[in-house]
Structures are given as structure tokens and as C-alpha cells.
Amino acid sequence: MAREERIPVGFLIFGLLVFVFIVALAMWGLPQYKVYKLELEGKAQLKQAEWNRQIAIKEAEAEKASASLKKDADIIRAEGVAEANRIIATSLTSEYIKWRWVEGLHDGSSEVIYVPTEANLPILEAIRKNV
């Protein structure tokens, strides 16, 4: 007769208890792990939002500094133009303006010349040449 090997009852009970313990641990642990995972994801999103905020602040500060420097450059440019206008205004005399008018007559760009009459009224041309 062949001898049957039997597994001891204590060993089966121990194995069953270990199995039940592992299943119970999984049933308790999986929800806890999901909560832990969500908490970590929330912390990561919060950290990312903080970094984005800091980046936006630095960009705004850079734009502010840039605008301030552009304002200063525009002020300096306007002061230069004002100084040039002042120099030109002080150097303009009636003799210079007359000389510029006479020079303009010699450049050949104007074909019509108005000659003042005794009453300081120009003689207007009646018919213009068709060229």
C-alpha cells in the first residue's frame, strides 16, 4: 500500500491565517496608499504652482525694469531734441531765412515763381503750362 503524505493541520491553519492576514492588509493598505498618493500629487501641484508664481513675479519685475529704462531713454532723447530745437531757434535769423528762400529758388524744383507786387500781394498765374 502506498503511503499517503498528509500536510499537517497546523501548517494548513497557519497558511490560511497568513493568507487572510495578507488579504486584510491589502484591503486596508490600498485605500491608504491611494490617499497617500493623492497627497503627494497635491503637494507636487502646489510646488509647481509656487514655482509658476515666482516665475511670473520675476518676469513682471524684468518688464518693470525694462519699462523704466525705456522711459529714461525716451526722456534723454526728448531732452536732446529739445536742446537741438533750442539751438536751431536761436540761430534762425531773418537773414538766414531769406538766404534759404533764395537758395530754394536755385535748386530747380519749383517751376512757378510768385513775384510780390506793390501791395505785397502775389501775382497768381492764370494758366499753368502743361508739361
N, C-alpha and C. Protein backbone atom coordinates (compact mmCIF):
# COMPACT_ATOMS: atom_id res chain seq x y z
N MET A 1 0.80 -1.16 0.00
CA MET A 1 0.00 0.00 0.00
C MET A 1 0.86 1.23 0.00
N ALA A 2 0.37 2.15 -0.81
CA ALA A 2 1.13 3.39 -0.90
C ALA A 2 0.81 4.29 0.26
N ARG A 3 1.79 4.83 0.68
CA ARG A 3 1.65 5.69 1.85
C ARG A 3 1.22 7.09 1.41
N GLU A 4 0.18 7.63 1.98
CA GLU A 4 -0.29 8.98 1.66
C GLU A 4 0.42 9.95 2.57
N GLU A 5 0.88 10.99 1.90
CA GLU A 5 1.52 12.03 2.72
C GLU A 5 0.47 13.07 3.02
N ARG A 6 0.37 13.39 4.21
CA ARG A 6 -0.60 14.36 4.65
C ARG A 6 0.10 15.61 5.13
N ILE A 7 -0.52 16.74 4.83
CA ILE A 7 0.02 18.00 5.32
C ILE A 7 -0.53 18.19 6.71
N PRO A 8 0.31 18.54 7.63
CA PRO A 8 -0.17 18.71 8.99
C PRO A 8 -1.24 19.79 9.07
N VAL A 9 -2.20 19.61 9.88
CA VAL A 9 -3.33 20.53 10.05
C VAL A 9 -2.84 21.88 10.55
N GLY A 10 -1.91 21.91 11.42
CA GLY A 10 -1.36 23.16 11.96
C GLY A 10 -0.74 24.01 10.86
N PHE A 11 -0.09 23.34 9.92
CA PHE A 11 0.55 24.05 8.81
C PHE A 11 -0.51 24.67 7.91
N LEU A 12 -1.61 23.93 7.67
CA LEU A 12 -2.70 24.46 6.85
C LEU A 12 -3.36 25.65 7.54
N ILE A 13 -3.57 25.53 8.82
CA ILE A 13 -4.19 26.64 9.55
C ILE A 13 -3.27 27.86 9.52
N PHE A 14 -1.98 27.64 9.70
CA PHE A 14 -1.02 28.74 9.66
C PHE A 14 -1.02 29.39 8.28
N GLY A 15 -1.02 28.62 7.22
CA GLY A 15 -1.06 29.15 5.86
C GLY A 15 -2.33 29.93 5.60
N LEU A 16 -3.45 29.41 6.08
CA LEU A 16 -4.73 30.10 5.91
C LEU A 16 -4.72 31.42 6.68
N LEU A 17 -4.19 31.45 7.85
CA LEU A 17 -4.10 32.68 8.63
C LEU A 17 -3.20 33.72 7.95
N VAL A 18 -2.09 33.26 7.39
CA VAL A 18 -1.20 34.17 6.67
C VAL A 18 -1.91 34.74 5.45
N PHE A 19 -2.64 33.91 4.73
CA PHE A 19 -3.38 34.37 3.57
C PHE A 19 -4.43 35.40 3.95
N VAL A 20 -5.19 35.11 5.01
CA VAL A 20 -6.23 36.05 5.48
C VAL A 20 -5.58 37.35 5.93
N PHE A 21 -4.43 37.26 6.59
CA PHE A 21 -3.72 38.45 7.04
C PHE A 21 -3.27 39.30 5.85
N ILE A 22 -2.75 38.67 4.82
CA ILE A 22 -2.29 39.40 3.62
C ILE A 22 -3.47 40.07 2.92
N VAL A 23 -4.60 39.36 2.81
CA VAL A 23 -5.80 39.94 2.17
C VAL A 23 -6.30 41.12 3.01
N ALA A 24 -6.34 40.96 4.32
CA ALA A 24 -6.81 42.05 5.19
C ALA A 24 -5.86 43.25 5.10
N LEU A 25 -4.58 42.99 5.08
CA LEU A 25 -3.60 44.06 4.95
C LEU A 25 -3.76 44.78 3.61
N ALA A 26 -4.01 44.07 2.54
CA ALA A 26 -4.22 44.68 1.23
C ALA A 26 -5.50 45.52 1.23
N MET A 27 -6.55 44.99 1.85
CA MET A 27 -7.82 45.73 1.89
C MET A 27 -7.69 47.02 2.69
N TRP A 28 -6.86 47.01 3.71
CA TRP A 28 -6.64 48.21 4.48
C TRP A 28 -5.59 49.11 3.83
N GLY A 29 -4.58 48.54 3.25
CA GLY A 29 -3.43 49.29 2.74
C GLY A 29 -3.69 49.99 1.42
N LEU A 30 -4.46 49.37 0.51
CA LEU A 30 -4.68 50.00 -0.79
C LEU A 30 -5.39 51.35 -0.68
N PRO A 31 -6.46 51.49 0.08
CA PRO A 31 -7.06 52.83 0.22
C PRO A 31 -6.10 53.83 0.86
N GLN A 32 -5.33 53.34 1.85
CA GLN A 32 -4.35 54.24 2.48
C GLN A 32 -3.30 54.70 1.48
N TYR A 33 -2.88 53.80 0.61
CA TYR A 33 -1.89 54.14 -0.41
C TYR A 33 -2.45 55.15 -1.40
N LYS A 34 -3.73 54.97 -1.78
CA LYS A 34 -4.35 55.91 -2.71
C LYS A 34 -4.41 57.31 -2.10
N VAL A 35 -4.75 57.39 -0.83
CA VAL A 35 -4.79 58.69 -0.15
C VAL A 35 -3.38 59.29 -0.10
N TYR A 36 -2.40 58.47 0.22
CA TYR A 36 -1.01 58.93 0.27
C TYR A 36 -0.55 59.42 -1.10
N LYS A 37 -0.91 58.68 -2.14
CA LYS A 37 -0.53 59.05 -3.50
C LYS A 37 -1.17 60.38 -3.90
N LEU A 38 -2.45 60.56 -3.59
CA LEU A 38 -3.13 61.81 -3.90
C LEU A 38 -2.51 62.99 -3.13
N GLU A 39 -2.13 62.73 -1.89
CA GLU A 39 -1.49 63.78 -1.10
C GLU A 39 -0.17 64.20 -1.73
N LEU A 40 0.61 63.23 -2.17
CA LEU A 40 1.89 63.56 -2.82
C LEU A 40 1.66 64.32 -4.13
N GLU A 41 0.65 63.92 -4.91
CA GLU A 41 0.35 64.63 -6.15
C GLU A 41 -0.09 66.06 -5.86
N GLY A 42 -0.88 66.24 -4.81
CA GLY A 42 -1.31 67.59 -4.42
C GLY A 42 -0.13 68.46 -4.01
N LYS A 43 0.79 67.88 -3.25
CA LYS A 43 1.98 68.64 -2.86
C LYS A 43 2.82 69.02 -4.08
N ALA A 44 2.92 68.10 -5.03
CA ALA A 44 3.69 68.38 -6.24
C ALA A 44 3.02 69.50 -7.05
N GLN A 45 1.70 69.48 -7.16
CA GLN A 45 0.99 70.53 -7.88
C GLN A 45 1.13 71.87 -7.18
N LEU A 46 1.09 71.86 -5.84
CA LEU A 46 1.25 73.08 -5.08
C LEU A 46 2.66 73.66 -5.29
N LYS A 47 3.65 72.81 -5.29
CA LYS A 47 5.02 73.26 -5.50
C LYS A 47 5.17 73.83 -6.91
N GLN A 48 4.55 73.17 -7.89
CA GLN A 48 4.60 73.67 -9.26
C GLN A 48 3.93 75.03 -9.37
N ALA A 49 2.80 75.20 -8.69
CA ALA A 49 2.10 76.50 -8.70
C ALA A 49 2.97 77.58 -8.06
N GLU A 50 3.67 77.24 -6.99
CA GLU A 50 4.56 78.22 -6.35
C GLU A 50 5.68 78.62 -7.29
N TRP A 51 6.26 77.66 -8.00
CA TRP A 51 7.32 77.97 -8.96
C TRP A 51 6.79 78.84 -10.09
N ASN A 52 5.60 78.51 -10.60
CA ASN A 52 5.00 79.33 -11.66
C ASN A 52 4.76 80.75 -11.18
N ARG A 53 4.32 80.90 -9.93
CA ARG A 53 4.09 82.23 -9.37
C ARG A 53 5.40 83.00 -9.27
N GLN A 54 6.45 82.35 -8.81
CA GLN A 54 7.75 83.01 -8.70
C GLN A 54 8.27 83.41 -10.08
N ILE A 55 8.06 82.56 -11.08
CA ILE A 55 8.49 82.89 -12.44
C ILE A 55 7.73 84.10 -12.95
N ALA A 56 6.41 84.14 -12.71
CA ALA A 56 5.60 85.27 -13.16
C ALA A 56 6.05 86.55 -12.47
N ILE A 57 6.39 86.47 -11.19
CA ILE A 57 6.85 87.66 -10.46
C ILE A 57 8.17 88.15 -11.05
N LYS A 58 9.10 87.25 -11.31
CA LYS A 58 10.40 87.65 -11.88
C LYS A 58 10.21 88.26 -13.26
N GLU A 59 9.31 87.69 -14.08
CA GLU A 59 9.06 88.26 -15.41
C GLU A 59 8.46 89.66 -15.30
N ALA A 60 7.54 89.85 -14.34
CA ALA A 60 6.93 91.17 -14.15
C ALA A 60 7.97 92.19 -13.68
N GLU A 61 8.86 91.76 -12.79
CA GLU A 61 9.93 92.66 -12.34
C GLU A 61 10.85 93.03 -13.49
N ALA A 62 11.15 92.09 -14.36
CA ALA A 62 12.01 92.38 -15.51
C ALA A 62 11.32 93.34 -16.47
N GLU A 63 10.01 93.16 -16.69
CA GLU A 63 9.27 94.08 -17.56
C GLU A 63 9.23 95.48 -16.96
N LYS A 64 9.08 95.56 -15.63
CA LYS A 64 9.05 96.85 -14.96
C LYS A 64 10.40 97.56 -15.12
N ALA A 65 11.48 96.84 -14.91
CA ALA A 65 12.81 97.42 -15.07
C ALA A 65 13.04 97.86 -16.51
N SER A 66 12.61 97.04 -17.45
CA SER A 66 12.75 97.38 -18.86
C SER A 66 11.96 98.64 -19.21
N ALA A 67 10.74 98.74 -18.70
CA ALA A 67 9.92 99.92 -18.98
C ALA A 67 10.56 101.17 -18.36
N SER A 68 11.12 101.01 -17.18
CA SER A 68 11.77 102.15 -16.53
C SER A 68 12.97 102.63 -17.34
N LEU A 69 13.76 101.68 -17.84
CA LEU A 69 14.93 102.06 -18.64
C LEU A 69 14.51 102.67 -19.98
N LYS A 70 13.44 102.15 -20.58
CA LYS A 70 12.95 102.74 -21.83
C LYS A 70 12.44 104.15 -21.58
N LYS A 71 11.78 104.36 -20.43
CA LYS A 71 11.31 105.70 -20.08
C LYS A 71 12.49 106.65 -19.96
N ASP A 72 13.54 106.22 -19.27
CA ASP A 72 14.73 107.06 -19.12
C ASP A 72 15.35 107.38 -20.48
N ALA A 73 15.40 106.40 -21.36
CA ALA A 73 15.97 106.62 -22.70
C ALA A 73 15.12 107.62 -23.48
N ASP A 74 13.79 107.51 -23.37
CA ASP A 74 12.91 108.45 -24.07
C ASP A 74 13.08 109.86 -23.52
N ILE A 75 13.26 109.98 -22.22
CA ILE A 75 13.47 111.31 -21.61
C ILE A 75 14.77 111.91 -22.12
N ILE A 76 15.82 111.12 -22.14
CA ILE A 76 17.11 111.62 -22.63
C ILE A 76 17.01 112.01 -24.10
N ARG A 77 16.33 111.19 -24.91
CA ARG A 77 16.15 111.51 -26.32
C ARG A 77 15.35 112.81 -26.49
N ALA A 78 14.29 112.99 -25.70
CA ALA A 78 13.48 114.20 -25.79
C ALA A 78 14.29 115.43 -25.36
N GLU A 79 15.12 115.28 -24.33
CA GLU A 79 15.98 116.39 -23.92
C GLU A 79 16.95 116.77 -25.03
N GLY A 80 17.48 115.78 -25.74
CA GLY A 80 18.38 116.06 -26.86
C GLY A 80 17.67 116.80 -27.98
N VAL A 81 16.45 116.36 -28.30
CA VAL A 81 15.68 117.03 -29.35
C VAL A 81 15.35 118.45 -28.93
N ALA A 82 14.98 118.64 -27.67
CA ALA A 82 14.67 119.99 -27.17
C ALA A 82 15.89 120.89 -27.25
N GLU A 83 17.05 120.37 -26.90
CA GLU A 83 18.29 121.15 -26.99
C GLU A 83 18.60 121.50 -28.43
N ALA A 84 18.43 120.55 -29.34
CA ALA A 84 18.67 120.83 -30.76
C ALA A 84 17.70 121.89 -31.28
N ASN A 85 16.44 121.78 -30.88
CA ASN A 85 15.46 122.79 -31.29
C ASN A 85 15.81 124.17 -30.73
N ARG A 86 16.29 124.21 -29.50
CA ARG A 86 16.68 125.50 -28.90
C ARG A 86 17.85 126.11 -29.66
N ILE A 87 18.83 125.29 -30.01
CA ILE A 87 19.98 125.79 -30.76
C ILE A 87 19.54 126.30 -32.12
N ILE A 88 18.68 125.55 -32.79
CA ILE A 88 18.20 125.97 -34.11
C ILE A 88 17.39 127.26 -33.99
N ALA A 89 16.54 127.34 -32.97
CA ALA A 89 15.69 128.52 -32.80
C ALA A 89 16.53 129.77 -32.54
N THR A 90 17.61 129.63 -31.78
CA THR A 90 18.45 130.80 -31.50
C THR A 90 19.29 131.18 -32.71
N SER A 91 19.58 130.24 -33.58
CA SER A 91 20.43 130.54 -34.73
C SER A 91 19.63 131.03 -35.94
N LEU A 92 18.31 130.90 -35.92
CA LEU A 92 17.49 131.36 -37.03
C LEU A 92 17.37 132.88 -36.97
N THR A 93 17.78 133.52 -38.02
CA THR A 93 17.61 134.96 -38.14
C THR A 93 16.87 135.23 -39.44
N SER A 94 16.39 136.44 -39.58
CA SER A 94 15.65 136.77 -40.81
C SER A 94 16.57 136.71 -42.02
N GLU A 95 17.86 137.05 -41.85
CA GLU A 95 18.80 136.97 -42.97
C GLU A 95 18.98 135.51 -43.42
N TYR A 96 19.09 134.59 -42.44
CA TYR A 96 19.27 133.17 -42.77
C TYR A 96 18.03 132.63 -43.50
N ILE A 97 16.86 133.02 -43.03
CA ILE A 97 15.62 132.55 -43.66
C ILE A 97 15.53 133.07 -45.09
N LYS A 98 15.90 134.33 -45.29
CA LYS A 98 15.89 134.88 -46.66
C LYS A 98 16.89 134.14 -47.54
N TRP A 99 18.07 133.87 -46.99
CA TRP A 99 19.09 133.15 -47.77
C TRP A 99 18.60 131.76 -48.15
N ARG A 100 17.95 131.06 -47.21
CA ARG A 100 17.40 129.73 -47.51
C ARG A 100 16.32 129.81 -48.59
N TRP A 101 15.53 130.86 -48.58
CA TRP A 101 14.49 131.05 -49.59
C TRP A 101 15.11 131.26 -50.96
N VAL A 102 16.14 132.07 -51.01
CA VAL A 102 16.82 132.32 -52.29
C VAL A 102 17.49 131.04 -52.77
N GLU A 103 18.12 130.28 -51.88
CA GLU A 103 18.73 129.00 -52.26
C GLU A 103 17.69 128.03 -52.79
N GLY A 104 16.51 128.06 -52.20
CA GLY A 104 15.43 127.20 -52.68
C GLY A 104 14.97 127.56 -54.07
N LEU A 105 15.11 128.82 -54.44
CA LEU A 105 14.76 129.23 -55.80
C LEU A 105 15.75 128.66 -56.82
N HIS A 106 16.98 128.44 -56.41
CA HIS A 106 18.02 127.99 -57.33
C HIS A 106 18.09 126.47 -57.48
N ASP A 107 17.38 125.73 -56.67
CA ASP A 107 17.51 124.27 -56.76
C ASP A 107 16.76 123.68 -57.94
N GLY A 108 15.91 124.43 -58.59
CA GLY A 108 15.25 123.98 -59.81
C GLY A 108 14.05 123.10 -59.59
N SER A 109 13.64 122.90 -58.37
CA SER A 109 12.50 122.03 -58.13
C SER A 109 11.18 122.76 -58.32
N SER A 110 11.19 124.09 -58.26
CA SER A 110 9.95 124.83 -58.44
C SER A 110 9.95 125.49 -59.82
N GLU A 111 8.84 125.39 -60.49
CA GLU A 111 8.73 125.98 -61.82
C GLU A 111 7.96 127.29 -61.78
N VAL A 112 7.18 127.49 -60.75
CA VAL A 112 6.36 128.69 -60.66
C VAL A 112 6.98 129.61 -59.63
N ILE A 113 7.17 130.86 -59.98
CA ILE A 113 7.71 131.86 -59.07
C ILE A 113 6.66 132.94 -58.91
N TYR A 114 6.36 133.26 -57.69
CA TYR A 114 5.43 134.33 -57.39
C TYR A 114 6.23 135.59 -57.08
N VAL A 115 5.91 136.66 -57.76
CA VAL A 115 6.62 137.91 -57.56
C VAL A 115 5.69 138.86 -56.81
N PRO A 116 6.16 139.40 -55.70
CA PRO A 116 5.29 140.31 -54.96
C PRO A 116 5.10 141.63 -55.72
N THR A 117 3.93 142.19 -55.57
CA THR A 117 3.63 143.49 -56.20
C THR A 117 3.76 144.58 -55.15
N GLU A 118 3.34 145.79 -55.54
CA GLU A 118 3.48 146.91 -54.61
C GLU A 118 2.63 146.73 -53.36
N ALA A 119 1.50 146.10 -53.47
CA ALA A 119 0.62 145.93 -52.31
C ALA A 119 0.94 144.66 -51.53
N ASN A 120 2.11 144.06 -51.79
CA ASN A 120 2.54 142.82 -51.16
C ASN A 120 1.57 141.66 -51.42
N LEU A 121 0.91 141.68 -52.55
CA LEU A 121 0.06 140.58 -52.97
C LEU A 121 0.73 139.90 -54.15
N PRO A 122 0.82 138.57 -54.14
CA PRO A 122 1.48 137.89 -55.26
C PRO A 122 0.61 137.91 -56.51
N ILE A 123 1.27 137.86 -57.64
CA ILE A 123 0.56 137.75 -58.90
C ILE A 123 0.37 136.26 -59.14
N LEU A 124 -0.85 135.84 -59.18
CA LEU A 124 -1.15 134.43 -59.36
C LEU A 124 -1.16 134.11 -60.84
N GLU A 125 -0.62 132.99 -61.20
CA GLU A 125 -0.62 132.62 -62.60
C GLU A 125 -2.03 132.24 -63.01
N ALA A 126 -2.40 132.64 -64.20
CA ALA A 126 -3.73 132.38 -64.68
C ALA A 126 -3.79 131.03 -65.37
N ILE A 127 -2.77 130.72 -66.13
CA ILE A 127 -2.74 129.45 -66.87
C ILE A 127 -1.41 128.76 -66.59
N ARG A 128 -1.47 127.54 -66.21
CA ARG A 128 -0.26 126.77 -65.95
C ARG A 128 0.10 125.98 -67.18
N LYS A 129 1.39 125.90 -67.48
CA LYS A 129 1.84 125.13 -68.62
C LYS A 129 1.58 123.65 -68.38
N ASN A 130 1.15 122.98 -69.39
CA ASN A 130 1.01 121.52 -69.31
C ASN A 130 2.31 120.90 -69.79
N VAL A 131 2.95 120.17 -68.97
CA VAL A 131 4.23 119.57 -69.34
C VAL A 131 4.05 118.07 -69.47
